[in-house]
């Protein structure tokens, strides 16, 4: 893997690593739940992020490939990444809400 491919892969790794939240503090989206449910929320949120990590990484790799092939430019790449991140996060938030409602 050359330098051109290493940077995007590292960026994707950093994105995935930044997704889970620390159990010590109830970060968004878990801070809206009562204190007694926040730990469970954090555990569910971490699990949802772990489950979606491979999909997020694959999207990033596919985007980089399209960009290297000249199918998209830098602005399109950024716009599509931001849209994907928002959509992916919204889906995880909905799944979190559903799982917390069942708890």
N, C-alpha and C. Protein backbone atom coordinates (compact mmCIF):
# COMPACT_ATOMS: atom_id res chain seq x y z
N UNK A 1 0.86 -1.17 0.00
CA UNK A 1 0.00 0.00 0.00
C UNK A 1 0.90 1.23 0.00
N UNK A 2 0.79 2.07 -0.99
CA UNK A 2 1.64 3.25 -1.13
C UNK A 2 1.14 4.40 -0.27
N UNK A 3 1.88 5.50 -0.28
CA UNK A 3 1.52 6.65 0.54
C UNK A 3 0.16 7.24 0.19
N UNK A 4 -0.23 7.18 -1.08
CA UNK A 4 -1.52 7.74 -1.48
C UNK A 4 -2.68 6.95 -0.87
N UNK A 5 -2.50 5.66 -0.70
CA UNK A 5 -3.57 4.84 -0.15
C UNK A 5 -3.51 4.76 1.37
N UNK A 6 -2.35 4.96 1.95
CA UNK A 6 -2.19 4.84 3.39
C UNK A 6 -2.91 5.96 4.13
N UNK A 7 -2.81 7.17 3.65
CA UNK A 7 -3.44 8.30 4.34
C UNK A 7 -4.95 8.14 4.45
N UNK A 8 -5.67 7.79 3.38
CA UNK A 8 -7.12 7.60 3.51
C UNK A 8 -7.47 6.46 4.47
N UNK A 9 -6.71 5.39 4.41
CA UNK A 9 -6.99 4.26 5.30
C UNK A 9 -6.78 4.68 6.75
N UNK A 10 -5.72 5.46 7.01
CA UNK A 10 -5.48 5.95 8.37
C UNK A 10 -6.60 6.89 8.80
N UNK A 11 -7.07 7.73 7.88
CA UNK A 11 -8.17 8.65 8.21
C UNK A 11 -9.43 7.87 8.55
N UNK A 12 -9.69 6.82 7.81
CA UNK A 12 -10.87 5.99 8.09
C UNK A 12 -10.72 5.34 9.46
N UNK A 13 -9.53 4.85 9.75
CA UNK A 13 -9.28 4.25 11.06
C UNK A 13 -9.51 5.23 12.18
N UNK A 14 -9.04 6.47 12.00
CA UNK A 14 -9.26 7.49 13.02
C UNK A 14 -10.75 7.79 13.17
N UNK A 15 -11.49 7.82 12.06
CA UNK A 15 -12.93 8.06 12.13
C UNK A 15 -13.61 6.96 12.93
N UNK A 16 -13.26 5.74 12.64
CA UNK A 16 -13.88 4.61 13.34
C UNK A 16 -13.51 4.64 14.82
N UNK A 17 -12.26 4.96 15.12
CA UNK A 17 -11.83 5.01 16.52
C UNK A 17 -12.53 6.13 17.27
N UNK A 18 -12.90 7.18 16.57
CA UNK A 18 -13.54 8.30 17.26
C UNK A 18 -15.03 8.06 17.47
N UNK A 19 -15.59 7.05 16.86
CA UNK A 19 -17.02 6.81 16.98
C UNK A 19 -17.46 6.37 18.37
N UNK A 20 -16.82 5.38 18.98
CA UNK A 20 -17.29 4.94 20.30
C UNK A 20 -17.10 6.03 21.36
N UNK A 21 -17.94 5.95 22.37
CA UNK A 21 -17.88 6.92 23.46
C UNK A 21 -17.31 6.25 24.70
N UNK A 22 -16.71 7.03 25.57
CA UNK A 22 -16.14 6.52 26.81
C UNK A 22 -17.26 6.20 27.81
N UNK A 23 -17.09 5.12 28.55
CA UNK A 23 -18.09 4.70 29.51
C UNK A 23 -18.10 5.59 30.76
N UNK A 24 -17.01 6.33 31.02
CA UNK A 24 -16.94 7.14 32.22
C UNK A 24 -17.92 8.31 32.18
N UNK A 25 -18.18 8.85 31.03
CA UNK A 25 -19.04 10.02 30.89
C UNK A 25 -20.14 9.71 29.89
N UNK A 26 -21.30 10.23 30.17
CA UNK A 26 -22.42 10.02 29.25
C UNK A 26 -22.36 11.10 28.18
N UNK A 27 -21.71 10.77 27.09
CA UNK A 27 -21.60 11.69 25.97
C UNK A 27 -22.86 11.61 25.12
N UNK A 28 -23.07 12.63 24.31
CA UNK A 28 -24.17 12.52 23.36
C UNK A 28 -23.96 11.26 22.54
N UNK A 29 -24.94 10.51 22.25
CA UNK A 29 -26.35 10.73 22.47
C UNK A 29 -26.88 10.19 23.80
N UNK A 30 -26.02 9.68 24.65
CA UNK A 30 -26.48 9.04 25.88
C UNK A 30 -26.75 10.01 27.02
N UNK A 31 -26.33 11.24 26.87
CA UNK A 31 -26.53 12.20 27.96
C UNK A 31 -27.99 12.59 28.14
N UNK A 32 -28.83 12.26 27.20
CA UNK A 32 -30.25 12.61 27.33
C UNK A 32 -31.05 11.58 28.14
N UNK A 33 -30.42 10.46 28.44
CA UNK A 33 -31.09 9.42 29.23
C UNK A 33 -30.83 9.63 30.71
N UNK A 34 -31.73 9.12 31.57
CA UNK A 34 -31.50 9.23 33.02
C UNK A 34 -30.18 8.56 33.40
N UNK A 35 -29.59 9.03 34.47
CA UNK A 35 -28.27 8.55 34.91
C UNK A 35 -28.23 7.02 35.01
N UNK A 36 -29.29 6.41 35.46
CA UNK A 36 -29.33 4.96 35.62
C UNK A 36 -29.30 4.18 34.31
N UNK A 37 -29.63 4.83 33.21
CA UNK A 37 -29.65 4.16 31.91
C UNK A 37 -28.47 4.55 31.01
N UNK A 38 -27.67 5.50 31.45
CA UNK A 38 -26.60 6.00 30.60
C UNK A 38 -25.52 4.96 30.32
N UNK A 39 -25.17 4.16 31.31
CA UNK A 39 -24.13 3.15 31.10
C UNK A 39 -24.59 2.14 30.05
N UNK A 40 -25.86 1.74 30.14
CA UNK A 40 -26.39 0.79 29.15
C UNK A 40 -26.42 1.42 27.76
N UNK A 41 -26.79 2.70 27.70
CA UNK A 41 -26.81 3.42 26.44
C UNK A 41 -25.42 3.44 25.81
N UNK A 42 -24.41 3.74 26.61
CA UNK A 42 -23.03 3.80 26.11
C UNK A 42 -22.62 2.43 25.56
N UNK A 43 -22.98 1.36 26.26
CA UNK A 43 -22.64 0.01 25.80
C UNK A 43 -23.31 -0.29 24.46
N UNK A 44 -24.58 0.06 24.34
CA UNK A 44 -25.31 -0.16 23.08
C UNK A 44 -24.68 0.68 21.97
N UNK A 45 -24.38 1.94 22.25
CA UNK A 45 -23.80 2.85 21.25
C UNK A 45 -22.46 2.31 20.74
N UNK A 46 -21.63 1.82 21.65
CA UNK A 46 -20.35 1.23 21.26
C UNK A 46 -20.57 0.03 20.36
N UNK A 47 -21.54 -0.80 20.71
CA UNK A 47 -21.83 -1.99 19.91
C UNK A 47 -22.31 -1.59 18.51
N UNK A 48 -23.17 -0.60 18.43
CA UNK A 48 -23.67 -0.15 17.13
C UNK A 48 -22.52 0.39 16.27
N UNK A 49 -21.62 1.14 16.88
CA UNK A 49 -20.46 1.66 16.15
C UNK A 49 -19.55 0.53 15.69
N UNK A 50 -19.35 -0.46 16.55
CA UNK A 50 -18.53 -1.62 16.18
C UNK A 50 -19.15 -2.36 15.00
N UNK A 51 -20.47 -2.55 15.04
CA UNK A 51 -21.16 -3.25 13.96
C UNK A 51 -21.04 -2.50 12.63
N UNK A 52 -21.12 -1.19 12.67
CA UNK A 52 -21.10 -0.39 11.44
C UNK A 52 -19.71 -0.04 10.96
N UNK A 53 -18.69 -0.28 11.77
CA UNK A 53 -17.32 0.07 11.40
C UNK A 53 -16.88 -0.47 10.05
N UNK A 54 -17.09 -1.76 9.76
CA UNK A 54 -16.66 -2.28 8.47
C UNK A 54 -17.37 -1.61 7.27
N UNK A 55 -18.63 -1.29 7.43
CA UNK A 55 -19.37 -0.62 6.35
C UNK A 55 -18.82 0.78 6.12
N UNK A 56 -18.54 1.47 7.19
CA UNK A 56 -17.99 2.83 7.09
C UNK A 56 -16.61 2.78 6.43
N UNK A 57 -15.79 1.85 6.85
CA UNK A 57 -14.45 1.72 6.27
C UNK A 57 -14.53 1.37 4.78
N UNK A 58 -15.42 0.47 4.41
CA UNK A 58 -15.55 0.08 3.00
C UNK A 58 -16.01 1.26 2.16
N UNK A 59 -16.93 2.06 2.69
CA UNK A 59 -17.38 3.24 1.96
C UNK A 59 -16.19 4.17 1.70
N UNK A 60 -15.38 4.39 2.71
CA UNK A 60 -14.21 5.25 2.56
C UNK A 60 -13.24 4.73 1.53
N UNK A 61 -12.99 3.43 1.54
CA UNK A 61 -12.09 2.84 0.55
C UNK A 61 -12.66 2.96 -0.86
N UNK A 62 -13.96 2.72 -1.00
CA UNK A 62 -14.61 2.85 -2.31
C UNK A 62 -14.54 4.28 -2.81
N UNK A 63 -14.75 5.24 -1.91
CA UNK A 63 -14.66 6.65 -2.29
C UNK A 63 -13.25 7.00 -2.77
N UNK A 64 -12.25 6.53 -2.04
CA UNK A 64 -10.87 6.82 -2.43
C UNK A 64 -10.57 6.22 -3.80
N UNK A 65 -11.04 5.02 -4.04
CA UNK A 65 -10.83 4.38 -5.33
C UNK A 65 -11.48 5.19 -6.45
N UNK A 66 -12.71 5.64 -6.23
CA UNK A 66 -13.40 6.46 -7.23
C UNK A 66 -12.64 7.75 -7.50
N UNK A 67 -12.10 8.34 -6.44
CA UNK A 67 -11.36 9.58 -6.61
C UNK A 67 -10.06 9.35 -7.38
N UNK A 68 -9.35 8.29 -7.05
CA UNK A 68 -8.11 7.97 -7.75
C UNK A 68 -8.36 7.68 -9.22
N UNK A 69 -9.53 7.14 -9.54
CA UNK A 69 -9.89 6.84 -10.92
C UNK A 69 -10.44 8.06 -11.65
N UNK A 70 -10.54 9.18 -10.95
CA UNK A 70 -11.03 10.40 -11.57
C UNK A 70 -12.54 10.47 -11.73
N UNK A 71 -13.26 9.59 -11.04
CA UNK A 71 -14.72 9.58 -11.14
C UNK A 71 -15.37 10.68 -10.31
N UNK A 72 -14.67 11.13 -9.26
CA UNK A 72 -15.15 12.23 -8.43
C UNK A 72 -13.98 13.14 -8.11
N UNK A 73 -14.27 14.41 -7.85
CA UNK A 73 -13.22 15.34 -7.47
C UNK A 73 -13.22 15.50 -5.95
N UNK A 74 -12.31 16.33 -5.44
CA UNK A 74 -12.17 16.49 -3.99
C UNK A 74 -13.44 17.01 -3.34
N UNK A 75 -14.10 17.97 -3.98
CA UNK A 75 -15.33 18.54 -3.41
C UNK A 75 -16.45 17.50 -3.37
N UNK A 76 -16.58 16.72 -4.43
CA UNK A 76 -17.60 15.66 -4.45
C UNK A 76 -17.29 14.61 -3.39
N UNK A 77 -16.00 14.28 -3.27
CA UNK A 77 -15.57 13.28 -2.28
C UNK A 77 -15.97 13.73 -0.88
N UNK A 78 -15.65 14.98 -0.55
CA UNK A 78 -15.99 15.52 0.77
C UNK A 78 -17.50 15.56 0.98
N UNK A 79 -18.23 16.05 -0.01
CA UNK A 79 -19.69 16.15 0.11
C UNK A 79 -20.33 14.77 0.30
N UNK A 80 -19.88 13.80 -0.48
CA UNK A 80 -20.44 12.45 -0.36
C UNK A 80 -20.07 11.83 0.97
N UNK A 81 -18.85 12.07 1.44
CA UNK A 81 -18.44 11.54 2.75
C UNK A 81 -19.30 12.13 3.86
N UNK A 82 -19.51 13.44 3.82
CA UNK A 82 -20.31 14.10 4.85
C UNK A 82 -21.75 13.57 4.83
N UNK A 83 -22.31 13.40 3.65
CA UNK A 83 -23.67 12.88 3.53
C UNK A 83 -23.74 11.45 4.08
N UNK A 84 -22.74 10.64 3.75
CA UNK A 84 -22.73 9.26 4.24
C UNK A 84 -22.60 9.22 5.76
N UNK A 85 -21.72 10.04 6.31
CA UNK A 85 -21.53 10.06 7.76
C UNK A 85 -22.82 10.47 8.45
N UNK A 86 -23.49 11.49 7.92
CA UNK A 86 -24.76 11.94 8.52
C UNK A 86 -25.81 10.84 8.45
N UNK A 87 -25.96 10.23 7.29
CA UNK A 87 -26.95 9.17 7.11
C UNK A 87 -26.63 7.98 8.03
N UNK A 88 -25.37 7.60 8.08
CA UNK A 88 -24.96 6.47 8.90
C UNK A 88 -25.21 6.76 10.38
N UNK A 89 -24.87 7.96 10.81
CA UNK A 89 -25.09 8.35 12.21
C UNK A 89 -26.57 8.39 12.54
N UNK A 90 -27.37 8.95 11.64
CA UNK A 90 -28.82 9.00 11.87
C UNK A 90 -29.41 7.60 12.02
N UNK A 91 -28.94 6.67 11.21
CA UNK A 91 -29.43 5.28 11.31
C UNK A 91 -29.02 4.66 12.64
N UNK A 92 -27.78 4.90 13.06
CA UNK A 92 -27.33 4.36 14.36
C UNK A 92 -28.11 4.97 15.50
N UNK A 93 -28.39 6.28 15.42
CA UNK A 93 -29.17 6.93 16.47
C UNK A 93 -30.57 6.34 16.56
N UNK A 94 -31.16 6.05 15.42
CA UNK A 94 -32.50 5.44 15.41
C UNK A 94 -32.45 4.04 16.03
N UNK A 95 -31.43 3.27 15.67
CA UNK A 95 -31.28 1.93 16.26
C UNK A 95 -31.04 2.02 17.76
N UNK A 96 -30.27 3.02 18.20
CA UNK A 96 -30.04 3.23 19.63
C UNK A 96 -31.36 3.53 20.33
N UNK A 97 -32.13 4.41 19.76
CA UNK A 97 -33.42 4.79 20.34
C UNK A 97 -34.35 3.57 20.47
N UNK A 98 -34.38 2.74 19.43
CA UNK A 98 -35.21 1.54 19.47
C UNK A 98 -34.75 0.57 20.55
N UNK A 99 -33.43 0.36 20.63
CA UNK A 99 -32.90 -0.58 21.64
C UNK A 99 -33.10 -0.04 23.04
N UNK A 100 -32.94 1.25 23.24
CA UNK A 100 -33.14 1.83 24.58
C UNK A 100 -34.63 1.75 24.98
N UNK A 101 -35.51 1.86 24.03
CA UNK A 101 -36.94 1.77 24.32
C UNK A 101 -37.30 0.35 24.79
N UNK A 102 -36.58 -0.64 24.29
CA UNK A 102 -36.84 -2.03 24.69
C UNK A 102 -36.24 -2.36 26.05
N UNK A 103 -35.28 -1.56 26.49
CA UNK A 103 -34.58 -1.85 27.77
C UNK A 103 -35.47 -1.55 28.95
